[in-house]
PDB file of all heavy atoms in Angstrom:
ATOM      1  N   PHE A   1      -5.301   0.165  -2.649  1.00  0.00           N
ATOM      2  CA  PHE A   1      -4.434  -0.674  -3.483  1.00  0.00           C
ATOM      3  C   PHE A   1      -3.030  -0.064  -3.596  1.00  0.00           C
ATOM      4  O   PHE A   1      -2.020  -0.745  -3.346  1.00  0.00           O
ATOM      5  CB  PHE A   1      -5.048  -0.825  -4.878  1.00  0.00           C
ATOM      6  CG  PHE A   1      -4.092  -1.374  -5.903  1.00  0.00           C
ATOM      7  CD1 PHE A   1      -3.835  -2.735  -5.969  1.00  0.00           C
ATOM      8  CD2 PHE A   1      -3.438  -0.522  -6.791  1.00  0.00           C
ATOM      9  CE1 PHE A   1      -2.936  -3.241  -6.913  1.00  0.00           C
ATOM     10  CE2 PHE A   1      -2.555  -1.020  -7.737  1.00  0.00           C
ATOM     11  CZ  PHE A   1      -2.299  -2.381  -7.789  1.00  0.00           C
ATOM     12  N   ALA A   2      -2.948   1.221  -3.971  1.00  0.00           N
ATOM     13  CA  ALA A   2      -1.652   1.865  -4.193  1.00  0.00           C
ATOM     14  C   ALA A   2      -0.833   1.931  -2.908  1.00  0.00           C
ATOM     15  O   ALA A   2       0.375   1.657  -2.917  1.00  0.00           O
ATOM     16  CB  ALA A   2      -1.855   3.266  -4.766  1.00  0.00           C
ATOM     17  N   GLU A   3      -1.481   2.276  -1.800  1.00  0.00           N
ATOM     18  CA  GLU A   3      -0.753   2.420  -0.545  1.00  0.00           C
ATOM     19  C   GLU A   3      -0.289   1.074  -0.005  1.00  0.00           C
ATOM     20  O   GLU A   3       0.834   0.959   0.510  1.00  0.00           O
ATOM     21  CB  GLU A   3      -1.622   3.151   0.477  1.00  0.00           C
ATOM     22  CG  GLU A   3      -1.835   4.614   0.136  1.00  0.00           C
ATOM     23  CD  GLU A   3      -2.679   5.345   1.162  1.00  0.00           C
ATOM     24  OE1 GLU A   3      -3.215   4.666   2.073  1.00  0.00           O
ATOM     25  OE2 GLU A   3      -2.818   6.574   1.060  1.00  0.00           O
ATOM     26  N   LEU A   4      -1.135   0.047  -0.105  1.00  0.00           N
ATOM     27  CA  LEU A   4      -0.737  -1.270   0.384  1.00  0.00           C
ATOM     28  C   LEU A   4       0.387  -1.866  -0.475  1.00  0.00           C
ATOM     29  O   LEU A   4       1.332  -2.459   0.054  1.00  0.00           O
ATOM     30  CB  LEU A   4      -1.939  -2.212   0.413  1.00  0.00           C
ATOM     31  CG  LEU A   4      -2.972  -1.956   1.522  1.00  0.00           C
ATOM     32  CD1 LEU A   4      -4.114  -2.954   1.421  1.00  0.00           C
ATOM     33  CD2 LEU A   4      -2.315  -2.044   2.901  1.00  0.00           C
ATOM     34  N   ILE A   5       0.270  -1.712  -1.796  1.00  0.00           N
ATOM     35  CA  ILE A   5       1.313  -2.224  -2.682  1.00  0.00           C
ATOM     36  C   ILE A   5       2.630  -1.515  -2.398  1.00  0.00           C
ATOM     37  O   ILE A   5       3.695  -2.152  -2.266  1.00  0.00           O
ATOM     38  CB  ILE A   5       0.910  -2.029  -4.156  1.00  0.00           C
ATOM     39  CG1 ILE A   5      -0.240  -2.980  -4.513  1.00  0.00           C
ATOM     40  CG2 ILE A   5       2.098  -2.280  -5.082  1.00  0.00           C
ATOM     41  CD1 ILE A   5       0.121  -4.438  -4.462  1.00  0.00           C
ATOM     42  N   TYR A   6       2.580  -0.191  -2.294  1.00  0.00           N
ATOM     43  CA  TYR A   6       3.819   0.560  -2.041  1.00  0.00           C
ATOM     44  C   TYR A   6       4.392   0.224  -0.667  1.00  0.00           C
ATOM     45  O   TYR A   6       5.605  -0.010  -0.533  1.00  0.00           O
ATOM     46  CB  TYR A   6       3.543   2.060  -2.144  1.00  0.00           C
ATOM     47  CG  TYR A   6       4.755   2.909  -1.839  1.00  0.00           C
ATOM     48  CD1 TYR A   6       5.780   3.037  -2.765  1.00  0.00           C
ATOM     49  CD2 TYR A   6       4.882   3.572  -0.624  1.00  0.00           C
ATOM     50  CE1 TYR A   6       6.899   3.805  -2.486  1.00  0.00           C
ATOM     51  CE2 TYR A   6       5.990   4.343  -0.344  1.00  0.00           C
ATOM     52  CZ  TYR A   6       6.994   4.456  -1.276  1.00  0.00           C
ATOM     53  OH  TYR A   6       8.108   5.198  -0.996  1.00  0.00           O
ATOM     54  N   THR A   7       3.529   0.191   0.338  1.00  0.00           N
ATOM     55  CA  THR A   7       4.000  -0.069   1.696  1.00  0.00           C
ATOM     56  C   THR A   7       4.590  -1.472   1.825  1.00  0.00           C
ATOM     57  O   THR A   7       5.672  -1.646   2.401  1.00  0.00           O
ATOM     58  CB  THR A   7       2.852   0.110   2.698  1.00  0.00           C
ATOM     59  OG1 THR A   7       2.344   1.444   2.609  1.00  0.00           O
ATOM     60  CG2 THR A   7       3.339  -0.140   4.117  1.00  0.00           C
ATOM     61  N   CYS A   8       3.879  -2.460   1.290  1.00  0.00           N
ATOM     62  CA  CYS A   8       4.305  -3.857   1.474  1.00  0.00           C
ATOM     63  C   CYS A   8       5.378  -4.273   0.469  1.00  0.00           C
ATOM     64  O   CYS A   8       6.440  -4.765   0.853  1.00  0.00           O
ATOM     65  CB  CYS A   8       3.095  -4.785   1.361  1.00  0.00           C
ATOM     66  SG  CYS A   8       1.859  -4.528   2.641  1.00  0.00           S
ATOM     67  N   ILE A   9       5.112  -4.060  -0.812  1.00  0.00           N
ATOM     68  CA  ILE A   9       6.001  -4.581  -1.856  1.00  0.00           C
ATOM     69  C   ILE A   9       7.254  -3.737  -2.022  1.00  0.00           C
ATOM     70  O   ILE A   9       8.358  -4.266  -2.216  1.00  0.00           O
ATOM     71  CB  ILE A   9       5.251  -4.686  -3.207  1.00  0.00           C
ATOM     72  CG1 ILE A   9       3.974  -5.525  -3.044  1.00  0.00           C
ATOM     73  CG2 ILE A   9       6.160  -5.288  -4.272  1.00  0.00           C
ATOM     74  CD1 ILE A   9       4.239  -6.939  -2.607  1.00  0.00           C
ATOM     75  N   THR A  10       7.106  -2.420  -1.952  1.00  0.00           N
ATOM     76  CA  THR A  10       8.260  -1.543  -2.203  1.00  0.00           C
ATOM     77  C   THR A  10       9.111  -1.326  -0.960  1.00  0.00           C
ATOM     78  O   THR A  10      10.331  -1.173  -1.068  1.00  0.00           O
ATOM     79  CB  THR A  10       7.783  -0.187  -2.755  1.00  0.00           C
ATOM     80  OG1 THR A  10       7.050  -0.407  -3.957  1.00  0.00           O
ATOM     81  CG2 THR A  10       8.960   0.733  -3.056  1.00  0.00           C
ATOM     82  N   ILE A  11       8.500  -1.317   0.225  1.00  0.00           N
ATOM     83  CA  ILE A  11       9.254  -0.964   1.433  1.00  0.00           C
ATOM     84  C   ILE A  11       9.424  -2.155   2.384  1.00  0.00           C
ATOM     85  O   ILE A  11      10.546  -2.596   2.647  1.00  0.00           O
ATOM     86  CB  ILE A  11       8.578   0.216   2.170  1.00  0.00           C
ATOM     87  CG1 ILE A  11       8.573   1.461   1.273  1.00  0.00           C
ATOM     88  CG2 ILE A  11       9.301   0.513   3.470  1.00  0.00           C
ATOM     89  CD1 ILE A  11       7.915   2.673   1.907  1.00  0.00           C
ATOM     90  N   ILE A  12       8.334  -2.684   2.909  1.00  0.00           N
ATOM     91  CA  ILE A  12       8.426  -3.625   4.028  1.00  0.00           C
ATOM     92  C   ILE A  12       9.015  -4.973   3.611  1.00  0.00           C
ATOM     93  O   ILE A  12       9.964  -5.468   4.233  1.00  0.00           O
ATOM     94  CB  ILE A  12       7.048  -3.809   4.684  1.00  0.00           C
ATOM     95  CG1 ILE A  12       6.611  -2.495   5.346  1.00  0.00           C
ATOM     96  CG2 ILE A  12       7.101  -4.927   5.725  1.00  0.00           C
ATOM     97  CD1 ILE A  12       5.260  -2.558   6.022  1.00  0.00           C
ATOM     98  N   PHE A  13       8.469  -5.615   2.572  1.00  0.00           N
ATOM     99  CA  PHE A  13       8.946  -6.943   2.183  1.00  0.00           C
ATOM    100  C   PHE A  13      10.423  -6.956   1.805  1.00  0.00           C
ATOM    101  O   PHE A  13      11.182  -7.805   2.300  1.00  0.00           O
ATOM    102  CB  PHE A  13       8.090  -7.496   1.043  1.00  0.00           C
ATOM    103  CG  PHE A  13       6.717  -7.913   1.468  1.00  0.00           C
ATOM    104  CD1 PHE A  13       5.757  -8.276   0.523  1.00  0.00           C
ATOM    105  CD2 PHE A  13       6.358  -7.945   2.803  1.00  0.00           C
ATOM    106  CE1 PHE A  13       4.478  -8.654   0.920  1.00  0.00           C
ATOM    107  CE2 PHE A  13       5.083  -8.325   3.209  1.00  0.00           C
ATOM    108  CZ  PHE A  13       4.148  -8.677   2.259  1.00  0.00           C
ATOM    109  N   PRO A  14      10.891  -6.042   0.934  1.00  0.00           N
ATOM    110  CA  PRO A  14      12.328  -6.064   0.635  1.00  0.00           C
ATOM    111  C   PRO A  14      13.203  -5.767   1.847  1.00  0.00           C
ATOM    112  O   PRO A  14      14.277  -6.356   1.993  1.00  0.00           O
ATOM    113  CB  PRO A  14      12.496  -4.996  -0.455  1.00  0.00           C
ATOM    114  CG  PRO A  14      11.248  -4.229  -0.486  1.00  0.00           C
ATOM    115  CD  PRO A  14      10.175  -5.080   0.071  1.00  0.00           C
ATOM    116  N   LEU A  15      12.735  -4.881   2.742  1.00  0.00           N
ATOM    117  CA  LEU A  15      13.520  -4.591   3.943  1.00  0.00           C
ATOM    118  C   LEU A  15      13.622  -5.818   4.845  1.00  0.00           C
ATOM    119  O   LEU A  15      14.697  -6.103   5.401  1.00  0.00           O
ATOM    120  CB  LEU A  15      12.892  -3.426   4.714  1.00  0.00           C
ATOM    121  CG  LEU A  15      13.294  -2.012   4.288  1.00  0.00           C
ATOM    122  CD1 LEU A  15      12.537  -0.984   5.105  1.00  0.00           C
ATOM    123  CD2 LEU A  15      14.795  -1.793   4.417  1.00  0.00           C
ATOM    124  N   ILE A  16      12.505  -6.544   4.997  1.00  0.00           N
ATOM    125  CA  ILE A  16      12.537  -7.762   5.817  1.00  0.00           C
ATOM    126  C   ILE A  16      13.529  -8.770   5.239  1.00  0.00           C
ATOM    127  O   ILE A  16      14.338  -9.370   5.961  1.00  0.00           O
ATOM    128  CB  ILE A  16      11.129  -8.375   5.926  1.00  0.00           C
ATOM    129  CG1 ILE A  16      10.224  -7.471   6.777  1.00  0.00           C
ATOM    130  CG2 ILE A  16      11.185  -9.777   6.531  1.00  0.00           C
ATOM    131  CD1 ILE A  16       8.778  -7.923   6.816  1.00  0.00           C
ATOM    132  N   LEU A  17      13.486  -8.953   3.912  1.00  0.00           N
ATOM    133  CA  LEU A  17      14.404  -9.898   3.271  1.00  0.00           C
ATOM    134  C   LEU A  17      15.850  -9.419   3.358  1.00  0.00           C
ATOM    135  O   LEU A  17      16.771 -10.215   3.559  1.00  0.00           O
ATOM    136  CB  LEU A  17      13.995 -10.104   1.810  1.00  0.00           C
ATOM    137  CG  LEU A  17      12.672 -10.845   1.593  1.00  0.00           C
ATOM    138  CD1 LEU A  17      12.302 -10.859   0.121  1.00  0.00           C
ATOM    139  CD2 LEU A  17      12.766 -12.270   2.133  1.00  0.00           C
ATOM    140  N   MET A  18      16.054  -8.105   3.223  1.00  0.00           N
ATOM    141  CA  MET A  18      17.411  -7.555   3.364  1.00  0.00           C
ATOM    142  C   MET A  18      17.977  -7.850   4.749  1.00  0.00           C
ATOM    143  O   MET A  18      19.125  -8.306   4.889  1.00  0.00           O
ATOM    144  CB  MET A  18      17.395  -6.033   3.154  1.00  0.00           C
ATOM    145  CG  MET A  18      17.175  -5.555   1.742  1.00  0.00           C
ATOM    146  SD  MET A  18      17.115  -3.743   1.717  1.00  0.00           S
ATOM    147  CE  MET A  18      16.190  -3.463   0.210  1.00  0.00           C
ATOM    148  N   LEU A  19      17.163  -7.568   5.768  1.00  0.00           N
ATOM    149  CA  LEU A  19      17.612  -7.807   7.136  1.00  0.00           C
ATOM    150  C   LEU A  19      17.842  -9.293   7.391  1.00  0.00           C
ATOM    151  O   LEU A  19      18.810  -9.677   8.060  1.00  0.00           O
ATOM    152  CB  LEU A  19      16.596  -7.245   8.129  1.00  0.00           C
ATOM    153  CG  LEU A  19      16.433  -5.722   8.139  1.00  0.00           C
ATOM    154  CD1 LEU A  19      15.253  -5.309   9.015  1.00  0.00           C
ATOM    155  CD2 LEU A  19      17.711  -5.049   8.627  1.00  0.00           C
ATOM    156  N   LEU A  20      16.958 -10.135   6.854  1.00  0.00           N
ATOM    157  CA  LEU A  20      17.090 -11.581   7.026  1.00  0.00           C
ATOM    158  C   LEU A  20      18.400 -12.075   6.417  1.00  0.00           C
ATOM    159  O   LEU A  20      19.187 -12.779   7.077  1.00  0.00           O
ATOM    160  CB  LEU A  20      15.901 -12.298   6.389  1.00  0.00           C
ATOM    161  CG  LEU A  20      15.935 -13.834   6.416  1.00  0.00           C
ATOM    162  CD1 LEU A  20      15.916 -14.336   7.852  1.00  0.00           C
ATOM    163  CD2 LEU A  20      14.763 -14.408   5.623  1.00  0.00           C
ATOM    164  N   PHE A  21      18.649 -11.716   5.167  1.00  0.00           N
ATOM    165  CA  PHE A  21      19.891 -12.142   4.516  1.00  0.00           C
ATOM    166  C   PHE A  21      21.108 -11.503   5.186  1.00  0.00           C
ATOM    167  O   PHE A  21      22.181 -12.117   5.231  1.00  0.00           O
ATOM    168  CB  PHE A  21      19.861 -11.783   3.030  1.00  0.00           C
ATOM    169  CG  PHE A  21      18.980 -12.685   2.204  1.00  0.00           C
ATOM    170  CD1 PHE A  21      17.941 -12.164   1.464  1.00  0.00           C
ATOM    171  CD2 PHE A  21      19.192 -14.054   2.175  1.00  0.00           C
ATOM    172  CE1 PHE A  21      17.118 -12.988   0.703  1.00  0.00           C
ATOM    173  CE2 PHE A  21      18.382 -14.888   1.428  1.00  0.00           C
ATOM    174  CZ  PHE A  21      17.339 -14.348   0.685  1.00  0.00           C
ATOM    175  N   GLY A  22      20.938 -10.275   5.695  1.00  0.00           N
ATOM    176  CA  GLY A  22      22.048  -9.625   6.391  1.00  0.00           C
ATOM    177  C   GLY A  22      22.449 -10.384   7.647  1.00  0.00           C
ATOM    178  O   GLY A  22      23.638 -10.632   7.885  1.00  0.00           O
ATOM    179  N   PHE A  23      21.458 -10.765   8.462  1.00  0.00           N
ATOM    180  CA  PHE A  23      21.750 -11.534   9.676  1.00  0.00           C
ATOM    181  C   PHE A  23      22.322 -12.913   9.337  1.00  0.00           C
ATOM    182  O   PHE A  23      23.237 -13.405  10.023  1.00  0.00           O
ATOM    183  CB  PHE A  23      20.495 -11.677  10.522  1.00  0.00           C
ATOM    184  CG  PHE A  23      20.091 -10.421  11.236  1.00  0.00           C
ATOM    185  CD1 PHE A  23      18.802  -9.910  11.106  1.00  0.00           C
ATOM    186  CD2 PHE A  23      20.993  -9.739  12.040  1.00  0.00           C
ATOM    187  CE1 PHE A  23      18.435  -8.746  11.753  1.00  0.00           C
ATOM    188  CE2 PHE A  23      20.629  -8.571  12.691  1.00  0.00           C
ATOM    189  CZ  PHE A  23      19.346  -8.070  12.543  1.00  0.00           C
ATOM    190  N   MET A  24      21.791 -13.535   8.287  1.00  0.00           N
ATOM    191  CA  MET A  24      22.309 -14.839   7.877  1.00  0.00           C
ATOM    192  C   MET A  24      23.754 -14.725   7.383  1.00  0.00           C
ATOM    193  O   MET A  24      24.585 -15.615   7.632  1.00  0.00           O
ATOM    194  CB  MET A  24      21.419 -15.430   6.783  1.00  0.00           C
ATOM    195  CG  MET A  24      20.035 -15.842   7.278  1.00  0.00           C
ATOM    196  SD  MET A  24      18.873 -16.204   5.932  1.00  0.00           S
ATOM    197  CE  MET A  24      19.657 -17.623   5.180  1.00  0.00           C
ATOM    198  N   THR A  25      24.062 -13.627   6.701  1.00  0.00           N
ATOM    199  CA  THR A  25      25.432 -13.412   6.231  1.00  0.00           C
ATOM    200  C   THR A  25      26.389 -13.228   7.402  1.00  0.00           C
ATOM    201  O   THR A  25      27.490 -13.798   7.429  1.00  0.00           O
ATOM    202  CB  THR A  25      25.490 -12.177   5.308  1.00  0.00           C
ATOM    203  OG1 THR A  25      24.594 -12.364   4.205  1.00  0.00           O
ATOM    204  CG2 THR A  25      26.897 -11.960   4.780  1.00  0.00           C
ATOM    205  N   ILE A  26      25.975 -12.421   8.379  1.00  0.00           N
ATOM    206  CA  ILE A  26      26.812 -12.207   9.573  1.00  0.00           C
ATOM    207  C   ILE A  26      27.033 -13.532  10.299  1.00  0.00           C
ATOM    208  O   ILE A  26      28.149 -13.817  10.765  1.00  0.00           O
ATOM    209  CB  ILE A  26      26.143 -11.166  10.500  1.00  0.00           C
ATOM    210  CG1 ILE A  26      26.139  -9.790   9.827  1.00  0.00           C
ATOM    211  CG2 ILE A  26      26.871 -11.098  11.837  1.00  0.00           C
ATOM    212  CD1 ILE A  26      25.340  -8.753  10.583  1.00  0.00           C
ATOM    213  N   SER A  27      25.988 -14.351  10.394  1.00  0.00           N
ATOM    214  CA  SER A  27      26.115 -15.663  11.027  1.00  0.00           C
ATOM    215  C   SER A  27      27.117 -16.539  10.280  1.00  0.00           C
ATOM    216  O   SER A  27      27.955 -17.211  10.901  1.00  0.00           O
ATOM    217  CB  SER A  27      24.749 -16.342  11.089  1.00  0.00           C
ATOM    218  OG  SER A  27      24.845 -17.649  11.603  1.00  0.00           O
TER     219      SER A  27
END
């Protein structure tokens, strides 16, 4: 539970959204 929550919610999901909005902003 702790590792999946930290890996997905704290690191991967926000990074994916950051990159997505970053590319959309550049576009």
